[in-house]
């Protein structure tokens, strides 16, 4: 799974071999919130929900599969790819 993540994802950090993390920067609060809402929409569509840390001009996304023991799965990579397409 780690090799797939490394080969298919750009800019995502693999944290402790268990989750994907990426920091997204924006020009202001409304752009940040628009992104957060778009991520929420996409995550709900895929039925896989990330942890998000939101501030004025930044959103940190952490993705792991909780019901698989907080490990990386195909669901995580698919969601990360969908987020990158936003």
N, C-alpha and C. Protein backbone atom coordinates (compact mmCIF):
# COMPACT_ATOMS: atom_id res chain seq x y z
N UNK A 1 0.81 -1.19 0.00
CA UNK A 1 0.00 0.00 0.00
C UNK A 1 0.86 1.27 0.00
N UNK A 2 1.97 1.22 0.75
CA UNK A 2 2.86 2.38 0.80
C UNK A 2 3.44 2.70 -0.57
N UNK A 3 3.81 1.68 -1.31
CA UNK A 3 4.38 1.90 -2.64
C UNK A 3 3.35 2.52 -3.58
N UNK A 4 2.11 2.08 -3.50
CA UNK A 4 1.05 2.67 -4.34
C UNK A 4 0.88 4.13 -3.98
N UNK A 5 0.85 4.44 -2.71
CA UNK A 5 0.69 5.83 -2.27
C UNK A 5 1.85 6.68 -2.79
N UNK A 6 3.05 6.19 -2.66
CA UNK A 6 4.23 6.94 -3.11
C UNK A 6 4.21 7.17 -4.62
N UNK A 7 3.75 6.18 -5.36
CA UNK A 7 3.80 6.30 -6.82
C UNK A 7 2.63 7.07 -7.41
N UNK A 8 1.48 7.09 -6.72
CA UNK A 8 0.28 7.70 -7.30
C UNK A 8 -0.07 9.07 -6.74
N UNK A 9 0.53 9.44 -5.62
CA UNK A 9 0.16 10.69 -4.97
C UNK A 9 1.32 11.68 -4.97
N UNK A 10 0.99 12.94 -5.20
CA UNK A 10 2.01 13.98 -5.19
C UNK A 10 1.73 14.95 -4.04
N UNK A 11 2.75 15.18 -3.24
CA UNK A 11 2.63 16.16 -2.17
C UNK A 11 2.04 15.63 -0.88
N UNK A 12 1.68 14.37 -0.84
CA UNK A 12 1.14 13.76 0.37
C UNK A 12 2.27 13.13 1.15
N UNK A 13 2.28 13.38 2.45
CA UNK A 13 3.26 12.80 3.35
C UNK A 13 2.64 11.53 3.96
N UNK A 14 3.45 10.49 4.09
CA UNK A 14 3.00 9.28 4.75
C UNK A 14 3.51 9.35 6.19
N UNK A 15 2.58 9.43 7.13
CA UNK A 15 2.91 9.63 8.53
C UNK A 15 2.85 8.29 9.26
N UNK A 16 4.00 7.91 9.83
CA UNK A 16 4.11 6.68 10.63
C UNK A 16 3.60 5.44 9.89
N UNK A 17 3.62 5.48 8.57
CA UNK A 17 3.16 4.35 7.77
C UNK A 17 1.68 4.07 7.90
N UNK A 18 0.94 5.00 8.52
CA UNK A 18 -0.47 4.74 8.82
C UNK A 18 -1.45 5.73 8.23
N UNK A 19 -0.98 6.92 7.86
CA UNK A 19 -1.93 7.89 7.33
C UNK A 19 -1.27 8.81 6.34
N UNK A 20 -2.12 9.41 5.52
CA UNK A 20 -1.68 10.38 4.54
C UNK A 20 -1.97 11.77 5.09
N UNK A 21 -1.04 12.70 4.85
CA UNK A 21 -1.23 14.08 5.31
C UNK A 21 -0.79 15.05 4.22
N UNK A 22 -1.60 16.07 4.04
CA UNK A 22 -1.22 17.13 3.10
C UNK A 22 -1.76 18.45 3.64
N UNK A 23 -0.96 19.50 3.47
CA UNK A 23 -1.33 20.84 3.89
C UNK A 23 -1.70 21.64 2.65
N UNK A 24 -2.88 22.23 2.68
CA UNK A 24 -3.36 23.08 1.59
C UNK A 24 -3.42 24.52 2.09
N UNK A 25 -2.81 25.45 1.34
CA UNK A 25 -2.78 26.87 1.69
C UNK A 25 -3.70 27.65 0.75
N UNK A 26 -4.35 28.68 1.28
CA UNK A 26 -5.28 29.50 0.50
C UNK A 26 -5.04 30.97 0.78
N UNK A 27 -5.66 31.82 -0.04
CA UNK A 27 -5.49 33.27 0.10
C UNK A 27 -6.36 33.88 1.18
N UNK A 28 -7.35 33.16 1.65
CA UNK A 28 -8.20 33.72 2.69
C UNK A 28 -9.20 32.72 3.20
N UNK A 29 -10.00 33.16 4.16
CA UNK A 29 -10.94 32.31 4.86
C UNK A 29 -11.99 31.70 3.94
N UNK A 30 -12.60 32.49 3.07
CA UNK A 30 -13.67 31.97 2.21
C UNK A 30 -13.16 30.92 1.24
N UNK A 31 -11.96 31.11 0.72
CA UNK A 31 -11.39 30.09 -0.16
C UNK A 31 -11.09 28.80 0.61
N UNK A 32 -10.62 28.95 1.84
CA UNK A 32 -10.37 27.78 2.68
C UNK A 32 -11.67 27.02 2.94
N UNK A 33 -12.72 27.75 3.31
CA UNK A 33 -13.99 27.11 3.62
C UNK A 33 -14.63 26.49 2.38
N UNK A 34 -14.46 27.10 1.23
CA UNK A 34 -14.97 26.50 -0.01
C UNK A 34 -14.30 25.16 -0.27
N UNK A 35 -12.99 25.13 -0.05
CA UNK A 35 -12.24 23.88 -0.22
C UNK A 35 -12.72 22.82 0.77
N UNK A 36 -12.88 23.21 2.03
CA UNK A 36 -13.33 22.27 3.07
C UNK A 36 -14.69 21.68 2.69
N UNK A 37 -15.59 22.52 2.22
CA UNK A 37 -16.92 22.03 1.81
C UNK A 37 -16.82 21.10 0.62
N UNK A 38 -15.94 21.39 -0.32
CA UNK A 38 -15.76 20.52 -1.48
C UNK A 38 -15.19 19.17 -1.05
N UNK A 39 -14.25 19.19 -0.10
CA UNK A 39 -13.69 17.93 0.42
C UNK A 39 -14.78 17.13 1.12
N UNK A 40 -15.59 17.81 1.91
CA UNK A 40 -16.68 17.12 2.62
C UNK A 40 -17.64 16.46 1.63
N UNK A 41 -17.96 17.15 0.57
CA UNK A 41 -18.86 16.61 -0.45
C UNK A 41 -18.26 15.36 -1.09
N UNK A 42 -16.99 15.46 -1.47
CA UNK A 42 -16.30 14.34 -2.12
C UNK A 42 -16.16 13.16 -1.15
N UNK A 43 -15.80 13.45 0.09
CA UNK A 43 -15.63 12.38 1.09
C UNK A 43 -16.94 11.66 1.33
N UNK A 44 -18.02 12.40 1.40
CA UNK A 44 -19.32 11.77 1.61
C UNK A 44 -19.71 10.90 0.42
N UNK A 45 -19.38 11.38 -0.77
CA UNK A 45 -19.66 10.62 -1.99
C UNK A 45 -18.92 9.28 -1.96
N UNK A 46 -17.68 9.30 -1.49
CA UNK A 46 -16.86 8.08 -1.42
C UNK A 46 -17.08 7.29 -0.13
N UNK A 47 -17.86 7.87 0.80
CA UNK A 47 -18.12 7.25 2.10
C UNK A 47 -16.82 6.94 2.84
N UNK A 48 -15.90 7.90 2.79
CA UNK A 48 -14.63 7.79 3.50
C UNK A 48 -14.25 9.19 3.94
N UNK A 49 -14.18 9.43 5.23
CA UNK A 49 -14.11 10.78 5.76
C UNK A 49 -12.77 11.06 6.42
N UNK A 50 -12.09 12.14 5.97
CA UNK A 50 -10.79 12.48 6.53
C UNK A 50 -10.93 13.30 7.81
N UNK A 51 -9.84 13.42 8.54
CA UNK A 51 -9.75 14.38 9.63
C UNK A 51 -9.19 15.67 9.02
N UNK A 52 -9.80 16.79 9.36
CA UNK A 52 -9.36 18.07 8.82
C UNK A 52 -9.11 19.06 9.94
N UNK A 53 -7.99 19.75 9.84
CA UNK A 53 -7.67 20.85 10.75
C UNK A 53 -7.77 22.13 9.92
N UNK A 54 -8.69 23.01 10.31
CA UNK A 54 -8.99 24.18 9.49
C UNK A 54 -8.63 25.45 10.24
N UNK A 55 -7.93 26.36 9.56
CA UNK A 55 -7.66 27.68 10.11
C UNK A 55 -7.95 28.71 9.02
N UNK A 56 -7.61 29.94 9.28
CA UNK A 56 -7.97 31.05 8.39
C UNK A 56 -7.61 30.78 6.92
N UNK A 57 -6.38 30.39 6.67
CA UNK A 57 -5.94 30.22 5.28
C UNK A 57 -5.26 28.87 5.02
N UNK A 58 -5.60 27.88 5.85
CA UNK A 58 -4.93 26.59 5.73
C UNK A 58 -5.88 25.47 6.13
N UNK A 59 -5.72 24.34 5.46
CA UNK A 59 -6.44 23.12 5.83
C UNK A 59 -5.45 21.96 5.77
N UNK A 60 -5.30 21.29 6.89
CA UNK A 60 -4.45 20.10 6.97
C UNK A 60 -5.38 18.89 6.92
N UNK A 61 -5.15 18.01 5.96
CA UNK A 61 -5.98 16.82 5.82
C UNK A 61 -5.17 15.60 6.19
N UNK A 62 -5.75 14.77 7.06
CA UNK A 62 -5.19 13.49 7.46
C UNK A 62 -6.17 12.41 7.08
N UNK A 63 -5.68 11.40 6.38
CA UNK A 63 -6.54 10.31 5.92
C UNK A 63 -5.96 8.98 6.40
N UNK A 64 -6.81 8.19 7.04
CA UNK A 64 -6.48 6.82 7.43
C UNK A 64 -7.79 6.04 7.46
N UNK A 65 -7.71 4.76 7.47
CA UNK A 65 -8.93 3.95 7.55
C UNK A 65 -9.08 3.47 8.98
N UNK A 66 -9.97 4.14 9.70
CA UNK A 66 -10.17 3.86 11.12
C UNK A 66 -10.66 2.43 11.35
N UNK A 67 -11.61 1.99 10.51
CA UNK A 67 -12.18 0.66 10.74
C UNK A 67 -11.26 -0.48 10.29
N UNK A 68 -10.08 -0.13 9.77
CA UNK A 68 -9.08 -1.16 9.43
C UNK A 68 -7.89 -1.03 10.38
N UNK A 69 -8.14 -0.48 11.56
CA UNK A 69 -7.09 -0.38 12.56
C UNK A 69 -6.15 0.80 12.34
N UNK A 70 -6.69 1.88 11.75
CA UNK A 70 -5.89 3.08 11.47
C UNK A 70 -4.67 2.77 10.60
N UNK A 71 -4.93 2.11 9.49
CA UNK A 71 -3.87 1.79 8.53
C UNK A 71 -4.25 2.38 7.18
N UNK A 72 -3.30 2.37 6.27
CA UNK A 72 -3.56 2.83 4.91
C UNK A 72 -4.23 1.74 4.11
N UNK A 73 -5.26 2.15 3.36
CA UNK A 73 -5.95 1.22 2.47
C UNK A 73 -6.16 1.92 1.12
N UNK A 74 -6.70 1.18 0.18
CA UNK A 74 -7.03 1.76 -1.13
C UNK A 74 -8.00 2.93 -0.99
N UNK A 75 -8.89 2.87 -0.01
CA UNK A 75 -9.83 3.96 0.22
C UNK A 75 -9.10 5.27 0.47
N UNK A 76 -8.02 5.23 1.21
CA UNK A 76 -7.26 6.43 1.54
C UNK A 76 -6.64 7.05 0.29
N UNK A 77 -6.04 6.20 -0.51
CA UNK A 77 -5.40 6.69 -1.74
C UNK A 77 -6.45 7.23 -2.70
N UNK A 78 -7.57 6.55 -2.83
CA UNK A 78 -8.64 7.03 -3.72
C UNK A 78 -9.17 8.38 -3.27
N UNK A 79 -9.35 8.56 -1.96
CA UNK A 79 -9.83 9.85 -1.46
C UNK A 79 -8.79 10.94 -1.68
N UNK A 80 -7.53 10.65 -1.42
CA UNK A 80 -6.47 11.64 -1.64
C UNK A 80 -6.43 12.07 -3.10
N UNK A 81 -6.55 11.13 -4.02
CA UNK A 81 -6.57 11.47 -5.44
C UNK A 81 -7.77 12.33 -5.79
N UNK A 82 -8.93 12.02 -5.22
CA UNK A 82 -10.14 12.82 -5.47
C UNK A 82 -9.98 14.23 -4.92
N UNK A 83 -9.35 14.37 -3.77
CA UNK A 83 -9.11 15.70 -3.19
C UNK A 83 -8.17 16.49 -4.08
N UNK A 84 -7.14 15.85 -4.59
CA UNK A 84 -6.20 16.54 -5.48
C UNK A 84 -6.86 17.03 -6.76
N UNK A 85 -7.94 16.41 -7.16
CA UNK A 85 -8.63 16.81 -8.39
C UNK A 85 -9.56 17.99 -8.17
N UNK A 86 -9.79 18.38 -6.92
CA UNK A 86 -10.71 19.51 -6.65
C UNK A 86 -10.14 20.83 -7.15
